Protein backbone atom coordinates (compact mmCIF):
# COMPACT_ATOMS: atom_id res chain seq x y z
CA UNK A 1 94.90 114.78 121.24
CA UNK A 2 93.49 115.84 124.62
CA UNK A 3 96.62 117.89 125.32
CA UNK A 4 96.29 119.69 122.00
CA UNK A 5 92.62 120.44 122.61
CA UNK A 6 93.61 121.82 126.04
CA UNK A 7 95.95 124.26 124.21
CA UNK A 8 99.11 122.58 125.54
CA UNK A 9 102.19 122.84 123.37
CA UNK A 10 103.28 119.47 122.07
CA UNK A 11 106.75 119.63 120.56
CA UNK A 12 108.75 117.24 118.45
CA UNK A 13 111.78 115.40 119.75
CA UNK A 14 114.72 116.04 117.40
CA UNK A 15 116.41 112.71 118.18
CA UNK A 16 114.85 109.52 116.91
CA UNK A 17 113.69 107.56 119.95
CA UNK A 18 113.60 104.47 117.78
CA UNK A 19 117.39 104.33 118.01
CA UNK A 20 117.07 103.79 121.76
CA UNK A 21 114.06 101.46 121.89
CA UNK A 22 114.68 99.18 118.93
CA UNK A 23 118.03 97.45 119.36
CA UNK A 24 119.34 93.88 119.64
CA UNK A 25 118.85 93.71 123.40
CA UNK A 26 115.37 95.29 123.51
CA UNK A 27 111.96 93.69 123.71
CA UNK A 28 110.36 96.25 121.39
CA UNK A 29 112.23 94.91 118.35
CA UNK A 30 111.41 91.24 119.03
CA UNK A 31 108.69 89.90 116.72
CA UNK A 32 107.70 87.28 119.33
CA UNK A 33 106.94 89.99 121.89
CA UNK A 34 105.00 92.02 119.32
CA UNK A 35 102.97 88.94 118.35
CA UNK A 36 102.04 88.36 122.00
CA UNK A 37 101.09 92.03 122.42
CA UNK A 38 98.82 91.88 119.34
CA UNK A 39 97.23 88.70 120.67
CA UNK A 40 96.61 90.31 124.09
CA UNK A 41 95.06 93.32 122.37
CA UNK A 42 92.72 91.05 120.39
CA UNK A 43 91.66 89.26 123.59
CA UNK A 44 90.97 92.57 125.34
CA UNK A 45 88.97 93.88 122.37
CA UNK A 46 86.91 90.68 122.38
CA UNK A 47 86.24 91.04 126.14
CA UNK A 48 84.96 94.58 125.56
CA UNK A 49 82.65 93.43 122.77
CA UNK A 50 84.54 94.76 119.77
CA UNK A 51 83.60 92.53 116.84
CA UNK A 52 86.20 90.47 115.02
CA UNK A 53 86.40 89.49 111.38
CA UNK A 54 85.67 91.92 108.54
CA UNK A 55 83.61 94.28 110.72
CA UNK A 56 86.42 94.49 113.27
CA UNK A 57 88.94 95.29 110.51
CA UNK A 58 86.59 97.96 109.16
CA UNK A 59 86.30 99.53 112.62
CA UNK A 60 90.10 99.49 112.96
CA UNK A 61 90.49 101.30 109.63
CA UNK A 62 87.78 103.78 110.65
CA UNK A 63 89.56 104.54 113.96
CA UNK A 64 92.88 105.02 112.16
CA UNK A 65 91.35 107.38 109.58
CA UNK A 66 89.54 109.30 112.34
CA UNK A 67 92.83 109.84 114.24
CA UNK A 68 94.56 111.08 111.10
CA UNK A 69 91.74 113.54 110.36
CA UNK A 70 91.90 114.80 113.95
CA UNK A 71 95.66 115.32 113.59
CA UNK A 72 95.12 117.12 110.30
CA UNK A 73 92.52 119.46 111.82
CA UNK A 74 94.29 120.09 115.13
CA UNK A 75 97.95 119.99 114.08
CA UNK A 76 97.73 120.85 110.40
CA UNK A 77 99.49 117.63 109.41
CA UNK A 78 98.92 113.89 109.51
CA UNK A 79 101.01 110.72 109.25
CA UNK A 80 101.16 109.59 105.64
CA UNK A 81 103.56 106.75 106.47
CA UNK A 82 102.46 104.63 109.41
CA UNK A 83 104.71 103.91 112.37
CA UNK A 84 104.52 100.18 111.62
CA UNK A 85 106.10 100.76 108.21
CA UNK A 86 108.79 103.06 109.59
CA UNK A 87 109.79 100.58 112.29
CA UNK A 88 109.80 97.51 110.04
CA UNK A 89 113.53 97.77 109.31
CA UNK A 90 114.32 97.69 113.05
CA UNK A 91 112.37 94.49 113.83
CA UNK A 92 114.09 91.15 114.42
CA UNK A 93 112.66 87.63 114.53
CA UNK A 94 114.47 87.09 117.84
CA UNK A 95 116.50 89.49 119.94
CA UNK A 96 118.92 88.65 122.71
CA UNK A 97 116.92 90.28 125.49
CA UNK A 98 116.37 88.48 128.76
CA UNK A 99 113.82 89.33 131.40
CA UNK A 100 116.09 87.65 133.96
CA UNK A 101 119.21 89.72 133.44
CA UNK A 102 121.61 89.08 136.30
CA UNK A 103 119.55 86.33 137.95
CA UNK A 104 121.93 83.63 136.73
CA UNK A 105 124.81 85.34 138.58
CA UNK A 106 123.17 85.47 142.02
């Protein structure tokens, strides 16, 4: 949003990046990794004093709506379908990624 306000041109990438990030050997498609990332985000929000429970959910919805309105005003369009819904078909309960690729062969 800052780039757009600074009159920078932000283009669209014609190739779906999801095809490169969300595959059987990637961390992005692993539900375990996503669960840990959501947990870390919740811990960070708590450390910064963001409330949890119903008020926290309300603030999350408010922030999401605010971003969509900003996109609508600045870009002339907004996201009607969220990224979470679009990526759902690419997610796996467990992928075959390893953070120690090649270590076993040393």
